[in-house]
Amino acid sequence: MPGRMQTPTAALLWIIRIGDVVGLRQPLQTTCAARIKPASLQNRFHAKTHYDRALRAFCCNKNIVYQSFWTLTADPQILAAPAVTVTAEKYGRTPAQVFFRYLTQSGTACLTGTSSPEHMAQDLAIFDFCLTAREGEAIGAQLK
């Protein structure tokens, strides 16, 4: 039709997201079949799914952003682990900040759902410090 702008499909979709995934079947099928590949995968991050090790590796290999949610609520044992609490004390941070910083440095985008201005400020402050490789390894060892 003359005068009518044709919009390519890619322009209509800003981001394609996969969520609530169990195993690799769904993301593998979706990324193989899709003309426009997913940009992110959002999933609960907890021990019962082995912290999505296989999904996080899949996302990394496919340039898909892995986004964790339910990260703090599901993982109180990690927040209480000495690898986290000692590191938090060293940097003058909360255990939650140290855990979020570890995940962020490891390539995970952490989603939070707080309405507390104090917690929002704490969440953003994770970018004000970096963990050493040794600290990251010690925290990562908690994800069993």
C-alpha atoms as a PDB file:
ATOM      1  CA  MET A   1       0.000   0.000   0.000  1.00  0.00           C
ATOM      2  CA  PRO A   2       1.613   3.307  -1.073  1.00  0.00           C
ATOM      3  CA  GLY A   3       2.358   5.768   1.713  1.00  0.00           C
ATOM      4  CA  ARG A   4       2.040   3.142   4.416  1.00  0.00           C
ATOM      5  CA  MET A   5       5.194   2.404   6.322  1.00  0.00           C
ATOM      6  CA  GLN A   6       6.173  -1.252   6.426  1.00  0.00           C
ATOM      7  CA  THR A   7       7.579  -2.147   9.804  1.00  0.00           C
ATOM      8  CA  PRO A   8       9.902  -5.128   9.980  1.00  0.00           C
ATOM      9  CA  THR A   9       9.084  -7.702  12.638  1.00  0.00           C
ATOM     10  CA  ALA A  10      12.355  -6.994  14.448  1.00  0.00           C
ATOM     11  CA  ALA A  11      11.298  -3.402  15.047  1.00  0.00           C
ATOM     12  CA  LEU A  12       8.057  -4.553  16.677  1.00  0.00           C
ATOM     13  CA  LEU A  13       9.774  -6.716  19.240  1.00  0.00           C
ATOM     14  CA  TRP A  14      12.160  -4.937  21.528  1.00  0.00           C
ATOM     15  CA  ILE A  15      13.066  -7.934  23.629  1.00  0.00           C
ATOM     16  CA  ILE A  16      12.061 -11.554  23.535  1.00  0.00           C
ATOM     17  CA  ARG A  17      12.260 -13.161  26.961  1.00  0.00           C
ATOM     18  CA  ILE A  18      12.034 -16.756  28.105  1.00  0.00           C
ATOM     19  CA  GLY A  19      10.932 -17.354  31.678  1.00  0.00           C
ATOM     20  CA  ASP A  20      10.133 -20.000  34.260  1.00  0.00           C
ATOM     21  CA  VAL A  21      12.306 -22.621  32.597  1.00  0.00           C
ATOM     22  CA  VAL A  22      12.976 -26.143  33.832  1.00  0.00           C
ATOM     23  CA  GLY A  23      15.888 -27.757  32.020  1.00  0.00           C
ATOM     24  CA  LEU A  24      17.390 -26.871  28.658  1.00  0.00           C
ATOM     25  CA  ARG A  25      14.678 -28.165  26.323  1.00  0.00           C
ATOM     26  CA  GLN A  26      12.537 -25.002  26.089  1.00  0.00           C
ATOM     27  CA  PRO A  27      15.372 -22.476  25.615  1.00  0.00           C
ATOM     28  CA  LEU A  28      17.153 -24.764  23.157  1.00  0.00           C
ATOM     29  CA  GLN A  29      14.002 -25.229  21.067  1.00  0.00           C
ATOM     30  CA  THR A  30      13.143 -21.552  21.239  1.00  0.00           C
ATOM     31  CA  THR A  31      16.568 -20.284  20.211  1.00  0.00           C
ATOM     32  CA  CYS A  32      16.917 -22.856  17.416  1.00  0.00           C
ATOM     33  CA  ALA A  33      13.470 -22.170  15.955  1.00  0.00           C
ATOM     34  CA  ALA A  34      13.244 -18.412  16.440  1.00  0.00           C
ATOM     35  CA  ARG A  35      14.105 -16.031  13.653  1.00  0.00           C
ATOM     36  CA  ILE A  36      14.625 -13.356  16.300  1.00  0.00           C
ATOM     37  CA  LYS A  37      16.572 -14.878  19.159  1.00  0.00           C
ATOM     38  CA  PRO A  38      15.658 -14.340  22.825  1.00  0.00           C
ATOM     39  CA  ALA A  39      17.586 -11.585  24.561  1.00  0.00           C
ATOM     40  CA  SER A  40      17.037 -12.788  28.116  1.00  0.00           C
ATOM     41  CA  LEU A  41      15.989 -15.714  30.236  1.00  0.00           C
ATOM     42  CA  GLN A  42      14.414 -15.054  33.636  1.00  0.00           C
ATOM     43  CA  ASN A  43      14.339 -17.841  36.174  1.00  0.00           C
ATOM     44  CA  ARG A  44      14.077 -18.533  39.873  1.00  0.00           C
ATOM     45  CA  PHE A  45      17.563 -18.922  41.279  1.00  0.00           C
ATOM     46  CA  HIS A  46      17.756 -21.566  43.999  1.00  0.00           C
ATOM     47  CA  ALA A  47      19.317 -24.825  45.147  1.00  0.00           C
ATOM     48  CA  LYS A  48      16.523 -27.074  43.837  1.00  0.00           C
ATOM     49  CA  THR A  49      17.507 -26.171  40.266  1.00  0.00           C
ATOM     50  CA  HIS A  50      21.224 -26.403  41.076  1.00  0.00           C
ATOM     51  CA  TYR A  51      21.320 -22.643  40.612  1.00  0.00           C
ATOM     52  CA  ASP A  52      20.605 -23.128  36.904  1.00  0.00           C
ATOM     53  CA  ARG A  53      24.247 -23.962  36.163  1.00  0.00           C
ATOM     54  CA  ALA A  54      23.384 -25.554  32.805  1.00  0.00           C
ATOM     55  CA  LEU A  55      20.966 -22.748  31.872  1.00  0.00           C
ATOM     56  CA  ARG A  56      23.477 -20.056  32.797  1.00  0.00           C
ATOM     57  CA  ALA A  57      26.153 -21.743  30.681  1.00  0.00           C
ATOM     58  CA  PHE A  58      23.669 -22.082  27.798  1.00  0.00           C
ATOM     59  CA  CYS A  59      22.771 -18.386  28.074  1.00  0.00           C
ATOM     60  CA  CYS A  60      26.428 -17.380  28.127  1.00  0.00           C
ATOM     61  CA  ASN A  61      27.160 -19.441  25.008  1.00  0.00           C
ATOM     62  CA  LYS A  62      24.154 -17.970  23.157  1.00  0.00           C
ATOM     63  CA  ASN A  63      24.672 -14.355  24.311  1.00  0.00           C
ATOM     64  CA  ILE A  64      21.405 -14.439  26.238  1.00  0.00           C
ATOM     65  CA  VAL A  65      21.243 -12.488  29.493  1.00  0.00           C
ATOM     66  CA  TYR A  66      20.399 -14.784  32.412  1.00  0.00           C
ATOM     67  CA  GLN A  67      18.217 -12.868  34.893  1.00  0.00           C
ATOM     68  CA  SER A  68      17.767 -14.318  38.362  1.00  0.00           C
ATOM     69  CA  PHE A  69      14.743 -13.669  40.501  1.00  0.00           C
ATOM     70  CA  TRP A  70      13.741 -14.938  43.926  1.00  0.00           C
ATOM     71  CA  THR A  71      17.494 -14.786  44.462  1.00  0.00           C
ATOM     72  CA  LEU A  72      17.632 -13.664  48.084  1.00  0.00           C
ATOM     73  CA  THR A  73      14.398 -15.221  49.326  1.00  0.00           C
ATOM     74  CA  ALA A  74      15.323 -18.696  48.088  1.00  0.00           C
ATOM     75  CA  ASP A  75      18.930 -18.605  49.236  1.00  0.00           C
ATOM     76  CA  PRO A  76      19.163 -17.565  52.916  1.00  0.00           C
ATOM     77  CA  GLN A  77      21.781 -20.266  53.540  1.00  0.00           C
ATOM     78  CA  ILE A  78      24.136 -18.570  51.072  1.00  0.00           C
ATOM     79  CA  LEU A  79      23.643 -15.182  52.713  1.00  0.00           C
ATOM     80  CA  ALA A  80      24.665 -16.779  56.026  1.00  0.00           C
ATOM     81  CA  ALA A  81      27.719 -18.593  54.626  1.00  0.00           C
ATOM     82  CA  PRO A  82      31.081 -17.412  56.000  1.00  0.00           C
ATOM     83  CA  ALA A  83      32.370 -16.800  52.459  1.00  0.00           C
ATOM     84  CA  VAL A  84      29.625 -14.179  52.112  1.00  0.00           C
ATOM     85  CA  THR A  85      29.464 -12.763  55.641  1.00  0.00           C
ATOM     86  CA  VAL A  86      33.249 -12.334  56.016  1.00  0.00           C
ATOM     87  CA  THR A  87      33.418 -10.645  52.609  1.00  0.00           C
ATOM     88  CA  ALA A  88      30.485  -8.402  53.525  1.00  0.00           C
ATOM     89  CA  GLU A  89      32.259  -7.339  56.694  1.00  0.00           C
ATOM     90  CA  LYS A  90      35.504  -6.683  54.799  1.00  0.00           C
ATOM     91  CA  TYR A  91      33.764  -4.308  52.356  1.00  0.00           C
ATOM     92  CA  GLY A  92      31.277  -2.827  54.829  1.00  0.00           C
ATOM     93  CA  ARG A  93      28.365  -4.244  52.819  1.00  0.00           C
ATOM     94  CA  THR A  94      25.382  -6.449  53.497  1.00  0.00           C
ATOM     95  CA  PRO A  95      25.519 -10.151  52.636  1.00  0.00           C
ATOM     96  CA  ALA A  96      22.822  -9.485  50.011  1.00  0.00           C
ATOM     97  CA  GLN A  97      25.028  -6.872  48.342  1.00  0.00           C
ATOM     98  CA  VAL A  98      27.987  -9.242  48.274  1.00  0.00           C
ATOM     99  CA  PHE A  99      25.888 -12.048  46.793  1.00  0.00           C
ATOM    100  CA  PHE A 100      24.384  -9.731  44.152  1.00  0.00           C
ATOM    101  CA  ARG A 101      27.873  -8.447  43.353  1.00  0.00           C
ATOM    102  CA  TYR A 102      29.172 -12.001  42.933  1.00  0.00           C
ATOM    103  CA  LEU A 103      26.308 -12.872  40.576  1.00  0.00           C
ATOM    104  CA  THR A 104      26.718  -9.663  38.593  1.00  0.00           C
ATOM    105  CA  GLN A 105      30.458 -10.219  38.193  1.00  0.00           C
ATOM    106  CA  SER A 106      29.622 -13.764  37.070  1.00  0.00           C
ATOM    107  CA  GLY A 107      27.339 -12.504  34.285  1.00  0.00           C
ATOM    108  CA  THR A 108      23.947 -12.792  35.977  1.00  0.00           C
ATOM    109  CA  ALA A 109      21.519  -9.875  36.036  1.00  0.00           C
ATOM    110  CA  CYS A 110      19.748  -9.898  39.397  1.00  0.00           C
ATOM    111  CA  LEU A 111      16.127  -8.818  39.436  1.00  0.00           C
ATOM    112  CA  THR A 112      14.791  -7.364  42.659  1.00  0.00           C
ATOM    113  CA  GLY A 113      11.291  -6.437  43.634  1.00  0.00           C
ATOM    114  CA  THR A 114      11.774  -4.109  46.548  1.00  0.00           C
ATOM    115  CA  SER A 115       9.750  -0.995  47.163  1.00  0.00           C
ATOM    116  CA  SER A 116      12.121   0.102  49.935  1.00  0.00           C
ATOM    117  CA  PRO A 117      14.229   3.135  48.957  1.00  0.00           C
ATOM    118  CA  GLU A 118      16.965   1.876  51.321  1.00  0.00           C
ATOM    119  CA  HIS A 119      17.092  -1.531  49.606  1.00  0.00           C
ATOM    120  CA  MET A 120      17.039   0.104  46.165  1.00  0.00           C
ATOM    121  CA  ALA A 121      20.053   2.199  47.129  1.00  0.00           C
ATOM    122  CA  GLN A 122      21.809  -0.883  48.505  1.00  0.00           C
ATOM    123  CA  ASP A 123      21.062  -2.805  45.306  1.00  0.00           C
ATOM    124  CA  LEU A 124      22.592  -0.064  43.170  1.00  0.00           C
ATOM    125  CA  ALA A 125      25.614   0.239  45.456  1.00  0.00           C
ATOM    126  CA  ILE A 126      26.842  -3.218  44.375  1.00  0.00           C
ATOM    127  CA  PHE A 127      28.567  -1.454  41.503  1.00  0.00           C
ATOM    128  CA  ASP A 128      30.729   0.557  43.920  1.00  0.00           C
ATOM    129  CA  PHE A 129      33.025  -2.364  44.727  1.00  0.00           C
ATOM    130  CA  CYS A 130      34.461  -5.497  43.097  1.00  0.00           C
ATOM    131  CA  LEU A 131      35.193  -8.915  44.520  1.00  0.00           C
ATOM    132  CA  THR A 132      38.578 -10.505  44.024  1.00  0.00           C
ATOM    133  CA  ALA A 133      38.833 -13.732  42.043  1.00  0.00           C
ATOM    134  CA  ARG A 134      39.454 -15.637  45.277  1.00  0.00           C
ATOM    135  CA  GLU A 135      36.382 -14.130  46.949  1.00  0.00           C
ATOM    136  CA  GLY A 136      34.291 -14.971  43.894  1.00  0.00           C
ATOM    137  CA  GLU A 137      35.520 -18.567  43.914  1.00  0.00           C
ATOM    138  CA  ALA A 138      34.684 -18.914  47.607  1.00  0.00           C
ATOM    139  CA  ILE A 139      31.172 -17.572  47.110  1.00  0.00           C
ATOM    140  CA  GLY A 140      30.683 -19.603  43.943  1.00  0.00           C
ATOM    141  CA  ALA A 141      31.588 -22.755  45.882  1.00  0.00           C
ATOM    142  CA  GLN A 142      28.420 -22.185  47.920  1.00  0.00           C
ATOM    143  CA  LEU A 143      26.268 -22.774  44.836  1.00  0.00           C
ATOM    144  CA  LYS A 144      26.179 -26.563  45.056  1.00  0.00           C
END
